[in-house]
């Protein structure tokens, strides 16, 4: 008779790997966040008048001297060539007026000022004949920077504001070059925001 095994066979309890496929859920992309709205251009209006650079006095005095010298020289040439008796008297009168005008130049330069208000730029100048002009930002069509030879040598520039109305065109002289560039960019941004109704 065949021998009986003392150890009966045990059932195989080896775990079989579970090959059941789990459904794969693709990652959902995060919803795009809307871009933050750009705030409207804001600035702080001036509480006081801004004055031009004191170096602008040199520009005005040199300009007056050059103009006077040209006129006096032309009158003296006319006297020497055509013998106009009144030419020397006219030359003397022109020189006297120029000297008086140069004496008032410091006060005239100090009278020039401008302010950036909420809706417009206010400009003033003049001693005896005082002039004030308000230029609305929304009506500015062009903001131009001009540098003459003397002003450029002193590091100065002038800002010219062109509008649809010739009466409101304004030129602010004697501004340092860096300040003129910054002011031009600020005024262009203000003009665009006002025209857009912001």
Protein backbone atom coordinates (compact mmCIF):
# COMPACT_ATOMS: atom_id res chain seq x y z
CA UNK A 1 0.00 0.00 0.00
CA UNK A 2 1.23 3.40 -0.76
CA UNK A 3 2.53 5.38 2.10
CA UNK A 4 0.30 8.12 3.42
CA UNK A 5 1.95 11.43 3.92
CA UNK A 6 2.03 12.64 7.46
CA UNK A 7 1.58 16.21 6.22
CA UNK A 8 -1.55 16.58 4.26
CA UNK A 9 -1.39 19.10 1.50
CA UNK A 10 -2.30 22.56 2.60
CA UNK A 11 -4.30 24.73 0.31
CA UNK A 12 -2.24 27.41 -1.44
CA UNK A 13 -3.04 30.73 0.22
CA UNK A 14 -0.52 32.78 -1.81
CA UNK A 15 -2.12 36.13 -2.57
CA UNK A 16 -2.51 36.80 -6.23
CA UNK A 17 -1.87 40.39 -7.32
CA UNK A 18 -4.96 42.36 -8.04
CA UNK A 19 -4.76 43.45 -11.65
CA UNK A 20 -8.07 45.24 -11.59
CA UNK A 21 -7.47 48.58 -13.33
CA UNK A 22 -8.60 51.63 -11.47
CA UNK A 23 -10.05 54.39 -13.56
CA UNK A 24 -7.58 57.24 -14.01
CA UNK A 25 -9.02 60.69 -13.55
CA UNK A 26 -6.98 63.30 -15.45
CA UNK A 27 -5.97 66.30 -13.42
CA UNK A 28 -8.32 69.15 -13.91
CA UNK A 29 -6.51 72.40 -14.80
CA UNK A 30 -6.86 75.12 -12.24
CA UNK A 31 -9.28 77.82 -13.33
CA UNK A 32 -7.50 80.85 -14.68
CA UNK A 33 -7.62 83.84 -12.42
CA UNK A 34 -8.72 87.03 -14.11
CA UNK A 35 -5.96 89.58 -14.48
CA UNK A 36 -6.25 92.36 -11.92
CA UNK A 37 -7.67 95.52 -13.33
CA UNK A 38 -5.16 98.28 -13.90
CA UNK A 39 -5.89 101.22 -11.64
CA UNK A 40 -6.48 104.56 -13.23
CA UNK A 41 -3.59 106.98 -13.22
CA UNK A 42 -3.60 108.83 -9.94
CA UNK A 43 -1.50 111.72 -8.75
CA UNK A 44 -1.44 114.22 -5.94
CA UNK A 45 -2.41 117.77 -6.94
CA UNK A 46 0.03 120.50 -5.99
CA UNK A 47 -0.81 122.43 -2.84
CA UNK A 48 1.57 125.27 -3.74
CA UNK A 49 3.00 126.87 -6.86
CA UNK A 50 6.03 125.30 -8.50
CA UNK A 51 8.67 127.81 -9.55
CA UNK A 52 11.14 127.60 -12.40
CA UNK A 53 14.86 127.07 -11.82
CA UNK A 54 16.83 130.17 -10.71
CA UNK A 55 19.30 129.37 -13.50
CA UNK A 56 16.63 130.45 -15.97
CA UNK A 57 17.58 134.04 -15.10
CA UNK A 58 20.91 133.50 -16.88
CA UNK A 59 19.08 132.33 -20.01
CA UNK A 60 16.88 135.43 -20.05
CA UNK A 61 19.74 137.88 -19.41
CA UNK A 62 21.93 136.36 -22.13
CA UNK A 63 19.01 136.42 -24.55
CA UNK A 64 18.31 140.08 -23.81
CA UNK A 65 21.97 141.06 -24.25
CA UNK A 66 22.26 139.25 -27.58
CA UNK A 67 19.05 140.80 -28.92
CA UNK A 68 20.07 144.28 -27.80
CA UNK A 69 23.53 143.93 -29.31
CA UNK A 70 22.09 142.91 -32.69
CA UNK A 71 19.64 145.85 -32.79
CA UNK A 72 22.25 148.41 -31.69
CA UNK A 73 24.79 147.09 -34.19
CA UNK A 74 22.23 147.31 -37.01
CA UNK A 75 21.40 150.93 -36.11
CA UNK A 76 25.06 151.92 -35.97
CA UNK A 77 25.72 150.28 -39.34
CA UNK A 78 22.78 152.20 -40.79
CA UNK A 79 24.25 155.45 -39.42
CA UNK A 80 27.70 154.78 -40.84
CA UNK A 81 26.43 153.72 -44.30
CA UNK A 82 23.53 156.10 -44.91
CA UNK A 83 24.20 158.82 -42.35
CA UNK A 84 20.85 158.45 -40.59
CA UNK A 85 21.12 161.08 -37.87
CA UNK A 86 18.52 159.42 -35.64
CA UNK A 87 20.20 155.99 -35.67
CA UNK A 88 22.65 156.70 -32.77
CA UNK A 89 19.80 158.10 -30.66
CA UNK A 90 17.70 155.05 -31.38
CA UNK A 91 20.61 152.79 -30.49
CA UNK A 92 21.03 154.58 -27.16
CA UNK A 93 17.30 154.30 -26.42
CA UNK A 94 17.32 150.58 -27.20
CA UNK A 95 20.30 150.05 -24.90
CA UNK A 96 18.62 152.01 -22.08
CA UNK A 97 15.40 150.01 -22.37
CA UNK A 98 17.39 146.78 -22.39
CA UNK A 99 19.22 147.76 -19.20
CA UNK A 100 15.92 148.53 -17.44
CA UNK A 101 14.42 145.26 -18.66
CA UNK A 102 17.42 143.27 -17.43
CA UNK A 103 17.10 144.93 -14.02
CA UNK A 104 13.54 143.56 -13.78
CA UNK A 105 14.45 140.08 -14.99
CA UNK A 106 14.88 138.56 -11.48
CA UNK A 107 11.35 139.60 -10.50
CA UNK A 108 9.92 138.44 -13.81
CA UNK A 109 11.53 135.01 -13.48
CA UNK A 110 10.25 134.67 -9.91
CA UNK A 111 6.73 135.46 -11.13
CA UNK A 112 6.67 132.37 -13.38
CA UNK A 113 4.98 129.39 -11.79
CA UNK A 114 2.66 126.47 -12.44
CA UNK A 115 0.44 124.08 -10.50
CA UNK A 116 -0.91 120.63 -11.30
CA UNK A 117 -4.52 120.70 -10.14
CA UNK A 118 -7.09 117.91 -10.16
CA UNK A 119 -8.39 118.59 -13.68
CA UNK A 120 -5.99 121.08 -15.26
CA UNK A 121 -2.57 122.72 -15.22
CA UNK A 122 -2.55 126.33 -14.06
CA UNK A 123 0.22 128.61 -15.37
CA UNK A 124 1.03 132.17 -14.36
CA UNK A 125 3.60 134.82 -15.27
CA UNK A 126 4.05 138.58 -15.46
CA UNK A 127 4.72 141.49 -13.12
CA UNK A 128 2.69 144.47 -14.33
CA UNK A 129 0.50 142.46 -16.68
CA UNK A 130 -0.34 139.31 -14.75
CA UNK A 131 -1.46 136.32 -16.84
CA UNK A 132 -2.99 133.04 -15.70
CA UNK A 133 -3.97 130.22 -18.04
CA UNK A 134 -5.68 126.94 -17.11
CA UNK A 135 -5.01 124.03 -19.49
CA UNK A 136 -7.41 121.07 -18.99
CA UNK A 137 -5.62 117.72 -19.14
CA UNK A 138 -8.23 116.24 -21.46
CA UNK A 139 -7.58 118.93 -24.10
CA UNK A 140 -3.82 118.50 -24.28
CA UNK A 141 -2.95 117.27 -27.77
CA UNK A 142 0.85 117.47 -27.54
CA UNK A 143 3.41 117.92 -24.77
CA UNK A 144 6.71 118.99 -26.33
CA UNK A 145 10.16 119.57 -24.78
CA UNK A 146 12.41 122.27 -26.24
CA UNK A 147 16.04 122.93 -25.33
CA UNK A 148 17.81 126.03 -26.60
CA UNK A 149 21.62 126.23 -26.71
CA UNK A 150 21.97 128.34 -23.56
CA UNK A 151 19.31 126.42 -21.64
CA UNK A 152 20.84 123.10 -22.69
CA UNK A 153 24.24 124.22 -21.42
CA UNK A 154 22.62 124.96 -18.04
CA UNK A 155 20.66 121.67 -17.96
CA UNK A 156 17.28 123.35 -18.49
CA UNK A 157 14.36 122.76 -20.84
CA UNK A 158 10.92 124.17 -21.53
CA UNK A 159 7.60 122.34 -21.80
CA UNK A 160 5.12 123.37 -24.47
CA UNK A 161 1.48 122.31 -24.21
CA UNK A 162 -0.46 122.34 -27.48
CA UNK A 163 -4.27 122.33 -27.32
CA UNK A 164 -7.07 122.73 -29.83
CA UNK A 165 -7.49 126.38 -28.77
CA UNK A 166 -4.53 128.62 -29.46
CA UNK A 167 -5.45 130.86 -26.50
CA UNK A 168 -4.74 128.06 -24.03
CA UNK A 169 -1.34 127.06 -25.46
CA UNK A 170 1.26 127.37 -22.71
CA UNK A 171 5.04 127.17 -22.56
CA UNK A 172 6.66 126.62 -19.16
CA UNK A 173 10.37 127.58 -19.31
CA UNK A 174 13.30 127.00 -16.98
CA UNK A 175 12.55 123.42 -15.88
CA UNK A 176 15.47 121.07 -15.09
CA UNK A 177 15.81 118.43 -17.82
CA UNK A 178 15.08 115.42 -15.57
CA UNK A 179 12.02 117.15 -14.12
CA UNK A 180 10.83 118.11 -17.62
CA UNK A 181 11.01 114.49 -18.81
CA UNK A 182 9.16 113.24 -15.73
CA UNK A 183 6.53 115.96 -15.97
CA UNK A 184 5.94 115.27 -19.67
CA UNK A 185 5.32 111.56 -19.01
CA UNK A 186 2.97 112.36 -16.12
CA UNK A 187 0.98 114.89 -18.14
CA UNK A 188 0.69 112.54 -21.12
CA UNK A 189 -0.69 109.84 -18.80
CA UNK A 190 -3.12 112.33 -17.25
CA UNK A 191 -4.28 113.52 -20.67
CA UNK A 192 -4.92 109.96 -21.86
CA UNK A 193 -6.82 109.04 -18.69
CA UNK A 194 -8.99 112.16 -18.90
CA UNK A 195 -9.81 111.55 -22.56
CA UNK A 196 -10.72 107.95 -21.71
CA UNK A 197 -13.04 109.19 -18.98
CA UNK A 198 -11.17 107.49 -16.11
